[in-house]
Structures are given as C-alpha cells and as structure tokens.
Amino acid sequence: MQYRHLPFEQYFINTSEDVNNTGRATYEVKYTTVKYSHSKLEKKLHIEHEVDYEIHYEEDRDVIQLNFEKSSGLMDWVTNIVEFSSKYYDAIEFEDKLLQLRVHHGWGIMYKSIKREVRSKWLKLHEAHPDAETEVLGWSLGSGQAILCCQDLNFNYGVKPHLYTYGTVRPFKGTRADRERLKKYLDTVCTECWNFTDINDIVTYMPPFRGFVMINRKDVSEEVKRTFFKLLNPYQYHTTYDHAQLYIPYEEENKED
C-alpha cells in the first residue's frame, strides 16, 4: 500500500487532543503514563516525573503511529528547564567519523525512561505489520520526545519514520566543530521531517542557547515579524497549529516531491 499522510493540521488535532476544539481527532488518544526519577536523590525523596506516550496501528493507512504528549503539570516544566546538555551516546559512526550525540539533559532522561518499552511495543507491531510505515508525532514537550524516538528507532532498527511535530523544541546539541555534521546526521534518521513552528512561538526557540539544533524547521506563521511581546504569549502562538490554511504551501511541496 502506498503511504498516505493525513492533512498536516490533522496530526496536530490528534496529538493535542484538539485543544482548540476546531476539529475531530481521527482516533481516541489513550496515553500510557510512565513514572521515573531524574536521579538517585530524587528516587530516594520519592520525587517523580511522568512521560506520556501512545502507540497504535492504523489498518486503513497501514501505519504504525507513535504520539508523545505535551507538557502536563509542574514536573514536566521542571524537566523542561533542566536545559544543560549531556552525553546521549558515547559516539556513533557517521561519514566514517565518530559523532558525539548530546541532548537536553531533562528530555534525554525522559526518553531513556521509556525507550525500551517504546522499542518493544513498536517491534511487536512491526512484526505483525512488516510493510507498515511508521509515523511519530509530538507537540511542545512531546516534539522533543518524538525527535529522540525517531533517532532511536533508526539507530536500533534502521527504520526511517515520518516525523510530524508542532511547536517544536530543539533536543540535540552540537559543538562548534560538529554542529553541521550533527544536522546532516539527523536529516538521515527520517523519511521526512516536518517540524512546524510559528515565528512568535517562544517554545520553538528552546533551549535558547547556542548549539541546540532543529532539523527541517518549517515556519507556518501568519505573522510577518517576530516581536518580543508576542513571544510572551504562548497561549496564542503555541496553540494555533490546527488551521489548514497554514499548510497549503507545504501540502503543495509534498505533492511535488
């Protein structure tokens, strides 16, 4: 079966549980919640974080879909502000050289807490539906988890998912010496990467430090300029990805490809 993607705005409605009540989700989102601690000290003090994900198979499109939830609750914001980078893999080989992968510390620990479970559930569905394409979705915090998931599935199974994220963050960090190589590597882990952003969505510049990168950023803003005061209004500019007209240029681009 030839792969058929949904309208871009529909992926946002699905992954946001239709936060703006403008459409209807194509499936009922039932997240699996996994609790974890950032450190031994947090575990000792019974401080827990949560990560929420959902995975299912869509027979009509022959697609395995993974969906990662946005920030939800105080502890997710604690995770978001633990911004410094840390080693993710010791090194991987890319273009006949070793490449050190570094990620946002909080988001990296979050994904590591579920990666074996995600791999196991994905592999089970893949074995049942070996010809199915894989889609990975995420909004806000979930976009970082989605990007990490794509790299994980590609590195371990060679699959190249279709990535669709909204209000996208920048989980990977490169050094001055390897930043361009990191971007090139991340471009190889997906069949297609659609990371949608609004120029006045402050979340899409997180973390706001040099070296953090986003692959294939796609601007869908209806605004012409980025302004300081608009950046302080995420309730508007971080939730408006459900309008079909925003994606008309990219739908045309996708048809041409």
C-alpha atoms as a PDB file:
ATOM      1  CA  MET A   1       0.000   0.000   0.000  1.00  0.00           C
ATOM      2  CA  GLN A   2       1.351   3.414  -0.938  1.00  0.00           C
ATOM      3  CA  TYR A   3       1.929   5.658   2.069  1.00  0.00           C
ATOM      4  CA  ARG A   4      -0.731   8.333   2.541  1.00  0.00           C
ATOM      5  CA  HIS A   5      -0.222  11.044   5.132  1.00  0.00           C
ATOM      6  CA  LEU A   6      -3.071  12.869   6.834  1.00  0.00           C
ATOM      7  CA  PRO A   7      -3.582  16.615   6.339  1.00  0.00           C
ATOM      8  CA  PHE A   8      -0.866  18.314   8.387  1.00  0.00           C
ATOM      9  CA  GLU A   9      -3.315  20.113  10.662  1.00  0.00           C
ATOM     10  CA  GLN A  10      -4.967  16.784  11.496  1.00  0.00           C
ATOM     11  CA  TYR A  11      -1.797  15.482  13.125  1.00  0.00           C
ATOM     12  CA  PHE A  12      -1.852  18.486  15.453  1.00  0.00           C
ATOM     13  CA  ILE A  13      -5.525  17.978  16.286  1.00  0.00           C
ATOM     14  CA  ASN A  14      -4.751  14.342  17.059  1.00  0.00           C
ATOM     15  CA  THR A  15      -1.660  14.916  19.158  1.00  0.00           C
ATOM     16  CA  SER A  16      -3.101  17.920  21.036  1.00  0.00           C
ATOM     17  CA  GLU A  17      -6.393  16.156  21.736  1.00  0.00           C
ATOM     18  CA  ASP A  18      -7.976  19.060  19.836  1.00  0.00           C
ATOM     19  CA  VAL A  19      -7.071  21.729  22.375  1.00  0.00           C
ATOM     20  CA  ASN A  20      -8.858  24.442  20.361  1.00  0.00           C
ATOM     21  CA  ASN A  21     -11.973  22.383  19.607  1.00  0.00           C
ATOM     22  CA  THR A  22     -11.719  23.047  15.875  1.00  0.00           C
ATOM     23  CA  GLY A  23     -11.851  19.511  14.538  1.00  0.00           C
ATOM     24  CA  ARG A  24     -12.237  15.883  15.372  1.00  0.00           C
ATOM     25  CA  ALA A  25      -9.398  13.513  16.200  1.00  0.00           C
ATOM     26  CA  THR A  26      -9.098  10.510  13.913  1.00  0.00           C
ATOM     27  CA  TYR A  27      -8.615   8.233  16.923  1.00  0.00           C
ATOM     28  CA  GLU A  28      -9.121   8.377  20.672  1.00  0.00           C
ATOM     29  CA  VAL A  29      -5.890   9.241  22.449  1.00  0.00           C
ATOM     30  CA  LYS A  30      -5.201   6.931  25.384  1.00  0.00           C
ATOM     31  CA  TYR A  31      -1.788   7.752  26.733  1.00  0.00           C
ATOM     32  CA  THR A  32       0.382   5.301  28.650  1.00  0.00           C
ATOM     33  CA  THR A  33       1.970   7.050  31.640  1.00  0.00           C
ATOM     34  CA  VAL A  34       5.445   6.067  32.852  1.00  0.00           C
ATOM     35  CA  LYS A  35       6.831   7.454  36.100  1.00  0.00           C
ATOM     36  CA  TYR A  36      10.562   7.986  36.596  1.00  0.00           C
ATOM     37  CA  SER A  37      13.079   9.961  38.661  1.00  0.00           C
ATOM     38  CA  HIS A  38      15.918  12.132  37.343  1.00  0.00           C
ATOM     39  CA  SER A  39      18.454  10.932  39.902  1.00  0.00           C
ATOM     40  CA  LYS A  40      19.079   8.601  42.818  1.00  0.00           C
ATOM     41  CA  LEU A  41      18.423  11.518  45.167  1.00  0.00           C
ATOM     42  CA  GLU A  42      15.018  12.190  43.583  1.00  0.00           C
ATOM     43  CA  LYS A  43      14.197   8.497  43.824  1.00  0.00           C
ATOM     44  CA  LYS A  44      15.175   8.481  47.490  1.00  0.00           C
ATOM     45  CA  LEU A  45      12.982  11.522  48.113  1.00  0.00           C
ATOM     46  CA  HIS A  46      10.123   9.949  46.115  1.00  0.00           C
ATOM     47  CA  ILE A  47      10.170  12.783  43.567  1.00  0.00           C
ATOM     48  CA  GLU A  48       8.669  11.504  40.324  1.00  0.00           C
ATOM     49  CA  HIS A  49       8.255  12.801  36.795  1.00  0.00           C
ATOM     50  CA  GLU A  50       5.898  11.445  34.173  1.00  0.00           C
ATOM     51  CA  VAL A  51       6.162  10.833  30.452  1.00  0.00           C
ATOM     52  CA  ASP A  52       3.098  10.009  28.361  1.00  0.00           C
ATOM     53  CA  TYR A  53       3.041   8.269  25.006  1.00  0.00           C
ATOM     54  CA  GLU A  54       0.610   6.391  22.776  1.00  0.00           C
ATOM     55  CA  ILE A  55       1.187   3.821  20.019  1.00  0.00           C
ATOM     56  CA  HIS A  56      -1.273   2.129  17.689  1.00  0.00           C
ATOM     57  CA  TYR A  57      -1.677   0.602  14.236  1.00  0.00           C
ATOM     58  CA  GLU A  58      -3.992   2.167  11.638  1.00  0.00           C
ATOM     59  CA  GLU A  59      -5.199  -0.504   9.242  1.00  0.00           C
ATOM     60  CA  ASP A  60      -6.741   1.823   6.653  1.00  0.00           C
ATOM     61  CA  ARG A  61      -3.383   3.524   6.011  1.00  0.00           C
ATOM     62  CA  ASP A  62      -1.092   0.624   7.060  1.00  0.00           C
ATOM     63  CA  VAL A  63       0.710   2.885   9.542  1.00  0.00           C
ATOM     64  CA  ILE A  64       2.216   2.392  12.983  1.00  0.00           C
ATOM     65  CA  GLN A  65       1.857   5.688  14.829  1.00  0.00           C
ATOM     66  CA  LEU A  66       3.608   6.938  17.964  1.00  0.00           C
ATOM     67  CA  ASN A  67       2.333  10.032  19.745  1.00  0.00           C
ATOM     68  CA  PHE A  68       4.061  11.899  22.590  1.00  0.00           C
ATOM     69  CA  GLU A  69       2.144  14.230  24.916  1.00  0.00           C
ATOM     70  CA  LYS A  70       2.846  17.900  25.533  1.00  0.00           C
ATOM     71  CA  SER A  71       3.986  19.339  28.886  1.00  0.00           C
ATOM     72  CA  SER A  72       1.412  18.446  31.509  1.00  0.00           C
ATOM     73  CA  GLY A  73       1.878  19.531  35.111  1.00  0.00           C
ATOM     74  CA  LEU A  74       4.609  21.112  37.220  1.00  0.00           C
ATOM     75  CA  MET A  75       7.171  18.313  36.977  1.00  0.00           C
ATOM     76  CA  ASP A  76       7.166  18.459  33.184  1.00  0.00           C
ATOM     77  CA  TRP A  77       8.214  22.102  33.455  1.00  0.00           C
ATOM     78  CA  VAL A  78      10.975  21.106  35.866  1.00  0.00           C
ATOM     79  CA  THR A  79      12.149  18.708  33.171  1.00  0.00           C
ATOM     80  CA  ASN A  80      11.963  21.474  30.544  1.00  0.00           C
ATOM     81  CA  ILE A  81      14.208  23.870  32.455  1.00  0.00           C
ATOM     82  CA  VAL A  82      16.925  21.297  33.142  1.00  0.00           C
ATOM     83  CA  GLU A  83      18.424  22.689  29.983  1.00  0.00           C
ATOM     84  CA  PHE A  84      22.089  21.790  30.022  1.00  0.00           C
ATOM     85  CA  SER A  85      23.227  19.120  27.603  1.00  0.00           C
ATOM     86  CA  SER A  86      24.646  15.739  28.491  1.00  0.00           C
ATOM     87  CA  LYS A  87      26.058  12.773  26.612  1.00  0.00           C
ATOM     88  CA  TYR A  88      23.406  10.630  24.988  1.00  0.00           C
ATOM     89  CA  TYR A  89      25.571   8.104  23.179  1.00  0.00           C
ATOM     90  CA  ASP A  90      29.321   7.807  23.718  1.00  0.00           C
ATOM     91  CA  ALA A  91      29.716   8.101  19.953  1.00  0.00           C
ATOM     92  CA  ILE A  92      28.211   6.872  16.709  1.00  0.00           C
ATOM     93  CA  GLU A  93      29.894   6.486  13.363  1.00  0.00           C
ATOM     94  CA  PHE A  94      28.737   8.891  10.673  1.00  0.00           C
ATOM     95  CA  GLU A  95      30.540   9.719   7.437  1.00  0.00           C
ATOM     96  CA  ASP A  96      33.426   7.475   8.536  1.00  0.00           C
ATOM     97  CA  LYS A  97      33.975   9.549  11.663  1.00  0.00           C
ATOM     98  CA  LEU A  98      32.764   9.353  15.241  1.00  0.00           C
ATOM     99  CA  LEU A  99      29.968  11.750  16.157  1.00  0.00           C
ATOM    100  CA  GLN A 100      29.175  12.539  19.785  1.00  0.00           C
ATOM    101  CA  LEU A 101      25.436  12.911  20.419  1.00  0.00           C
ATOM    102  CA  ARG A 102      24.493  15.348  23.152  1.00  0.00           C
ATOM    103  CA  VAL A 103      20.924  16.196  24.171  1.00  0.00           C
ATOM    104  CA  HIS A 104      18.963  18.438  26.516  1.00  0.00           C
ATOM    105  CA  HIS A 105      19.517  16.701  29.845  1.00  0.00           C
ATOM    106  CA  GLY A 106      15.907  16.643  31.087  1.00  0.00           C
ATOM    107  CA  TRP A 107      14.422  15.480  27.792  1.00  0.00           C
ATOM    108  CA  GLY A 108      17.133  12.858  27.347  1.00  0.00           C
ATOM    109  CA  ILE A 109      16.431  11.295  30.734  1.00  0.00           C
ATOM    110  CA  MET A 110      12.711  11.422  29.972  1.00  0.00           C
ATOM    111  CA  TYR A 111      13.069   9.459  26.740  1.00  0.00           C
ATOM    112  CA  LYS A 112      15.513   6.970  28.275  1.00  0.00           C
ATOM    113  CA  SER A 113      12.849   6.127  30.864  1.00  0.00           C
ATOM    114  CA  ILE A 114      10.549   4.753  28.137  1.00  0.00           C
ATOM    115  CA  LYS A 115      12.832   3.799  25.267  1.00  0.00           C
ATOM    116  CA  ARG A 116      12.868   0.048  25.943  1.00  0.00           C
ATOM    117  CA  GLU A 117       9.096  -0.015  26.324  1.00  0.00           C
ATOM    118  CA  VAL A 118       8.612   2.019  23.143  1.00  0.00           C
ATOM    119  CA  ARG A 119      11.006  -0.213  21.212  1.00  0.00           C
ATOM    120  CA  SER A 120       9.243  -3.354  22.435  1.00  0.00           C
ATOM    121  CA  LYS A 121       5.762  -2.132  21.508  1.00  0.00           C
ATOM    122  CA  TRP A 122       6.900  -0.771  18.159  1.00  0.00           C
ATOM    123  CA  LEU A 123       8.735  -4.017  17.332  1.00  0.00           C
ATOM    124  CA  LYS A 124       5.678  -6.095  18.179  1.00  0.00           C
ATOM    125  CA  LEU A 125       3.518  -4.036  15.808  1.00  0.00           C
ATOM    126  CA  HIS A 126       6.248  -4.051  13.156  1.00  0.00           C
ATOM    127  CA  GLU A 127       6.496  -7.850  13.270  1.00  0.00           C
ATOM    128  CA  ALA A 128       2.720  -8.079  12.859  1.00  0.00           C
ATOM    129  CA  HIS A 129       2.701  -5.475  10.048  1.00  0.00           C
ATOM    130  CA  PRO A 130       6.165  -5.605   8.415  1.00  0.00           C
ATOM    131  CA  ASP A 131       5.212  -3.373   5.472  1.00  0.00           C
ATOM    132  CA  ALA A 132       3.667  -0.624   7.604  1.00  0.00           C
ATOM    133  CA  GLU A 133       5.182   2.846   7.624  1.00  0.00           C
ATOM    134  CA  THR A 134       5.965   4.463  10.982  1.00  0.00           C
ATOM    135  CA  GLU A 135       4.742   7.938  11.932  1.00  0.00           C
ATOM    136  CA  VAL A 136       5.977   9.803  15.016  1.00  0.00           C
ATOM    137  CA  LEU A 137       4.050  12.810  16.343  1.00  0.00           C
ATOM    138  CA  GLY A 138       4.619  15.345  19.091  1.00  0.00           C
ATOM    139  CA  TRP A 139       3.579  18.800  20.194  1.00  0.00           C
ATOM    140  CA  SER A 140       5.641  21.039  22.504  1.00  0.00           C
ATOM    141  CA  LEU A 141       7.490  18.824  25.011  1.00  0.00           C
ATOM    142  CA  GLY A 142       6.229  15.857  23.005  1.00  0.00           C
ATOM    143  CA  SER A 143       8.070  17.127  19.919  1.00  0.00           C
ATOM    144  CA  GLY A 144      11.410  16.617  21.656  1.00  0.00           C
ATOM    145  CA  GLN A 145      10.426  13.078  22.626  1.00  0.00           C
ATOM    146  CA  ALA A 146       9.276  12.415  19.060  1.00  0.00           C
ATOM    147  CA  ILE A 147      12.619  13.526  17.602  1.00  0.00           C
ATOM    148  CA  LEU A 148      14.557  11.408  20.101  1.00  0.00           C
ATOM    149  CA  CYS A 149      12.289   8.473  19.261  1.00  0.00           C
ATOM    150  CA  CYS A 150      12.979   8.799  15.529  1.00  0.00           C
ATOM    151  CA  GLN A 151      16.720   8.735  16.139  1.00  0.00           C
ATOM    152  CA  ASP A 152      16.330   5.763  18.477  1.00  0.00           C
ATOM    153  CA  LEU A 153      14.246   3.657  16.088  1.00  0.00           C
ATOM    154  CA  ASN A 154      16.547   4.496  13.188  1.00  0.00           C
ATOM    155  CA  PHE A 155      19.730   3.722  15.127  1.00  0.00           C
ATOM    156  CA  ASN A 156      18.475   0.401  16.501  1.00  0.00           C
ATOM    157  CA  TYR A 157      16.231  -0.919  13.705  1.00  0.00           C
ATOM    158  CA  GLY A 158      17.146   1.052  10.597  1.00  0.00           C
ATOM    159  CA  VAL A 159      13.569   2.291  10.186  1.00  0.00           C
ATOM    160  CA  LYS A 160      13.093   5.845   8.886  1.00  0.00           C
ATOM    161  CA  PRO A 161       9.866   7.228  10.375  1.00  0.00           C
ATOM    162  CA  HIS A 162       7.722  10.063   9.058  1.00  0.00           C
ATOM    163  CA  LEU A 163       8.082  12.823  11.669  1.00  0.00           C
ATOM    164  CA  TYR A 164       5.390  15.450  12.320  1.00  0.00           C
ATOM    165  CA  THR A 165       5.886  17.876  15.212  1.00  0.00           C
ATOM    166  CA  TYR A 166       4.297  21.184  16.252  1.00  0.00           C
ATOM    167  CA  GLY A 167       5.648  23.971  18.419  1.00  0.00           C
ATOM    168  CA  THR A 168       8.890  22.066  18.049  1.00  0.00           C
ATOM    169  CA  VAL A 169      11.764  22.217  20.531  1.00  0.00           C
ATOM    170  CA  ARG A 170      15.462  21.558  19.883  1.00  0.00           C
ATOM    171  CA  PRO A 171      16.629  18.496  21.858  1.00  0.00           C
ATOM    172  CA  PHE A 172      20.018  17.816  20.206  1.00  0.00           C
ATOM    173  CA  LYS A 173      23.097  19.953  20.717  1.00  0.00           C
ATOM    174  CA  GLY A 174      26.201  20.157  18.574  1.00  0.00           C
ATOM    175  CA  THR A 175      29.585  21.647  19.289  1.00  0.00           C
ATOM    176  CA  ARG A 176      31.182  24.289  17.102  1.00  0.00           C
ATOM    177  CA  ALA A 177      33.244  21.544  15.460  1.00  0.00           C
ATOM    178  CA  ASP A 178      30.443  19.063  14.729  1.00  0.00           C
ATOM    179  CA  ARG A 179      27.215  21.068  14.545  1.00  0.00           C
ATOM    180  CA  GLU A 180      26.886  20.810  10.749  1.00  0.00           C
ATOM    181  CA  ARG A 181      27.675  17.089  10.795  1.00  0.00           C
ATOM    182  CA  LEU A 182      25.036  16.634  13.514  1.00  0.00           C
ATOM    183  CA  LYS A 183      22.442  18.358  11.322  1.00  0.00           C
ATOM    184  CA  LYS A 184      23.371  16.152   8.372  1.00  0.00           C
ATOM    185  CA  TYR A 185      23.111  13.042  10.537  1.00  0.00           C
ATOM    186  CA  LEU A 186      19.704  13.999  11.941  1.00  0.00           C
ATOM    187  CA  ASP A 187      18.461  14.570   8.400  1.00  0.00           C
ATOM    188  CA  THR A 188      19.136  10.886   7.690  1.00  0.00           C
ATOM    189  CA  VAL A 189      17.052   9.379  10.507  1.00  0.00           C
ATOM    190  CA  CYS A 190      13.622  10.145   8.980  1.00  0.00           C
ATOM    191  CA  THR A 191      11.979   9.506   5.648  1.00  0.00           C
ATOM    192  CA  GLU A 192      10.557  13.016   6.015  1.00  0.00           C
ATOM    193  CA  CYS A 193      10.770  15.545   8.838  1.00  0.00           C
ATOM    194  CA  TRP A 194       8.068  18.168   9.241  1.00  0.00           C
ATOM    195  CA  ASN A 195       8.823  20.273  12.312  1.00  0.00           C
ATOM    196  CA  PHE A 196       6.258  23.078  12.248  1.00  0.00           C
ATOM    197  CA  THR A 197       6.875  26.350  14.069  1.00  0.00           C
ATOM    198  CA  ASP A 198       5.465  29.854  14.426  1.00  0.00           C
ATOM    199  CA  ILE A 199       7.993  32.687  14.461  1.00  0.00           C
ATOM    200  CA  ASN A 200       6.315  34.092  17.591  1.00  0.00           C
ATOM    201  CA  ASP A 201       6.109  30.752  19.395  1.00  0.00           C
ATOM    202  CA  ILE A 202       8.730  31.074  22.116  1.00  0.00           C
ATOM    203  CA  VAL A 203       8.760  27.313  22.720  1.00  0.00           C
ATOM    204  CA  THR A 204      10.334  26.739  19.302  1.00  0.00           C
ATOM    205  CA  TYR A 205      13.489  28.568  20.410  1.00  0.00           C
ATOM    206  CA  MET A 206      14.006  26.328  23.418  1.00  0.00           C
ATOM    207  CA  PRO A 207      16.569  25.798  24.744  1.00  0.00           C
ATOM    208  CA  PRO A 208      17.664  29.366  23.904  1.00  0.00           C
ATOM    209  CA  PHE A 209      21.371  28.559  23.845  1.00  0.00           C
ATOM    210  CA  ARG A 210      23.945  28.164  21.102  1.00  0.00           C
ATOM    211  CA  GLY A 211      24.455  24.753  19.648  1.00  0.00           C
ATOM    212  CA  PHE A 212      20.941  23.331  20.028  1.00  0.00           C
ATOM    213  CA  VAL A 213      19.576  22.413  16.608  1.00  0.00           C
ATOM    214  CA  MET A 214      16.249  21.708  14.900  1.00  0.00           C
ATOM    215  CA  ILE A 215      16.034  19.619  11.760  1.00  0.00           C
ATOM    216  CA  ASN A 216      13.941  20.920   8.881  1.00  0.00           C
ATOM    217  CA  ARG A 217      12.188  23.764  10.679  1.00  0.00           C
ATOM    218  CA  LYS A 218       9.029  24.732   8.779  1.00  0.00           C
ATOM    219  CA  ASP A 219       7.566  28.153   9.533  1.00  0.00           C
ATOM    220  CA  VAL A 220       3.761  28.337   9.354  1.00  0.00           C
ATOM    221  CA  SER A 221       3.340  31.737  10.947  1.00  0.00           C
ATOM    222  CA  GLU A 222       0.650  34.118   9.741  1.00  0.00           C
ATOM    223  CA  GLU A 223       2.740  36.935  11.204  1.00  0.00           C
ATOM    224  CA  VAL A 224       5.439  38.735   9.214  1.00  0.00           C
ATOM    225  CA  LYS A 225       7.742  39.647  12.086  1.00  0.00           C
ATOM    226  CA  ARG A 226       8.811  38.213  15.388  1.00  0.00           C
ATOM    227  CA  THR A 227       8.179  40.579  18.296  1.00  0.00           C
ATOM    228  CA  PHE A 228       9.104  40.438  21.956  1.00  0.00           C
ATOM    229  CA  PHE A 229       5.569  40.857  23.292  1.00  0.00           C
ATOM    230  CA  LYS A 230       4.141  38.185  21.006  1.00  0.00           C
ATOM    231  CA  LEU A 231       6.818  35.773  22.194  1.00  0.00           C
ATOM    232  CA  LEU A 232       5.421  36.281  25.698  1.00  0.00           C
ATOM    233  CA  ASN A 233       2.013  34.990  24.588  1.00  0.00           C
ATOM    234  CA  PRO A 234       2.445  31.210  24.121  1.00  0.00           C
ATOM    235  CA  TYR A 235      -1.258  30.663  24.827  1.00  0.00           C
ATOM    236  CA  GLN A 236      -1.910  32.122  21.376  1.00  0.00           C
ATOM    237  CA  TYR A 237       1.163  31.347  19.306  1.00  0.00           C
ATOM    238  CA  HIS A 238       1.854  27.862  20.676  1.00  0.00           C
ATOM    239  CA  THR A 239      -1.642  26.504  20.063  1.00  0.00           C
ATOM    240  CA  THR A 240      -2.623  27.720  16.583  1.00  0.00           C
ATOM    241  CA  TYR A 241      -1.287  24.828  14.520  1.00  0.00           C
ATOM    242  CA  ASP A 242      -4.744  23.447  13.729  1.00  0.00           C
ATOM    243  CA  HIS A 243      -5.601  25.747  10.797  1.00  0.00           C
ATOM    244  CA  ALA A 244      -5.474  24.076   7.395  1.00  0.00           C
ATOM    245  CA  GLN A 245      -4.504  27.261   5.533  1.00  0.00           C
ATOM    246  CA  LEU A 246      -1.155  27.347   7.333  1.00  0.00           C
ATOM    247  CA  TYR A 247      -0.014  24.245   5.498  1.00  0.00           C
ATOM    248  CA  ILE A 248      -1.116  24.973   1.931  1.00  0.00           C
ATOM    249  CA  PRO A 249       2.444  25.744   0.692  1.00  0.00           C
ATOM    250  CA  TYR A 250       3.794  22.588   2.306  1.00  0.00           C
ATOM    251  CA  GLU A 251       0.991  20.393   1.006  1.00  0.00           C
ATOM    252  CA  GLU A 252       1.897  21.611  -2.493  1.00  0.00           C
ATOM    253  CA  GLU A 253       5.582  20.978  -1.804  1.00  0.00           C
ATOM    254  CA  ASN A 254       4.756  17.482  -0.594  1.00  0.00           C
ATOM    255  CA  LYS A 255       2.737  16.710  -3.749  1.00  0.00           C
ATOM    256  CA  GLU A 256       5.630  17.808  -5.961  1.00  0.00           C
ATOM    257  CA  ASP A 257       8.009  15.511  -4.074  1.00  0.00           C
END
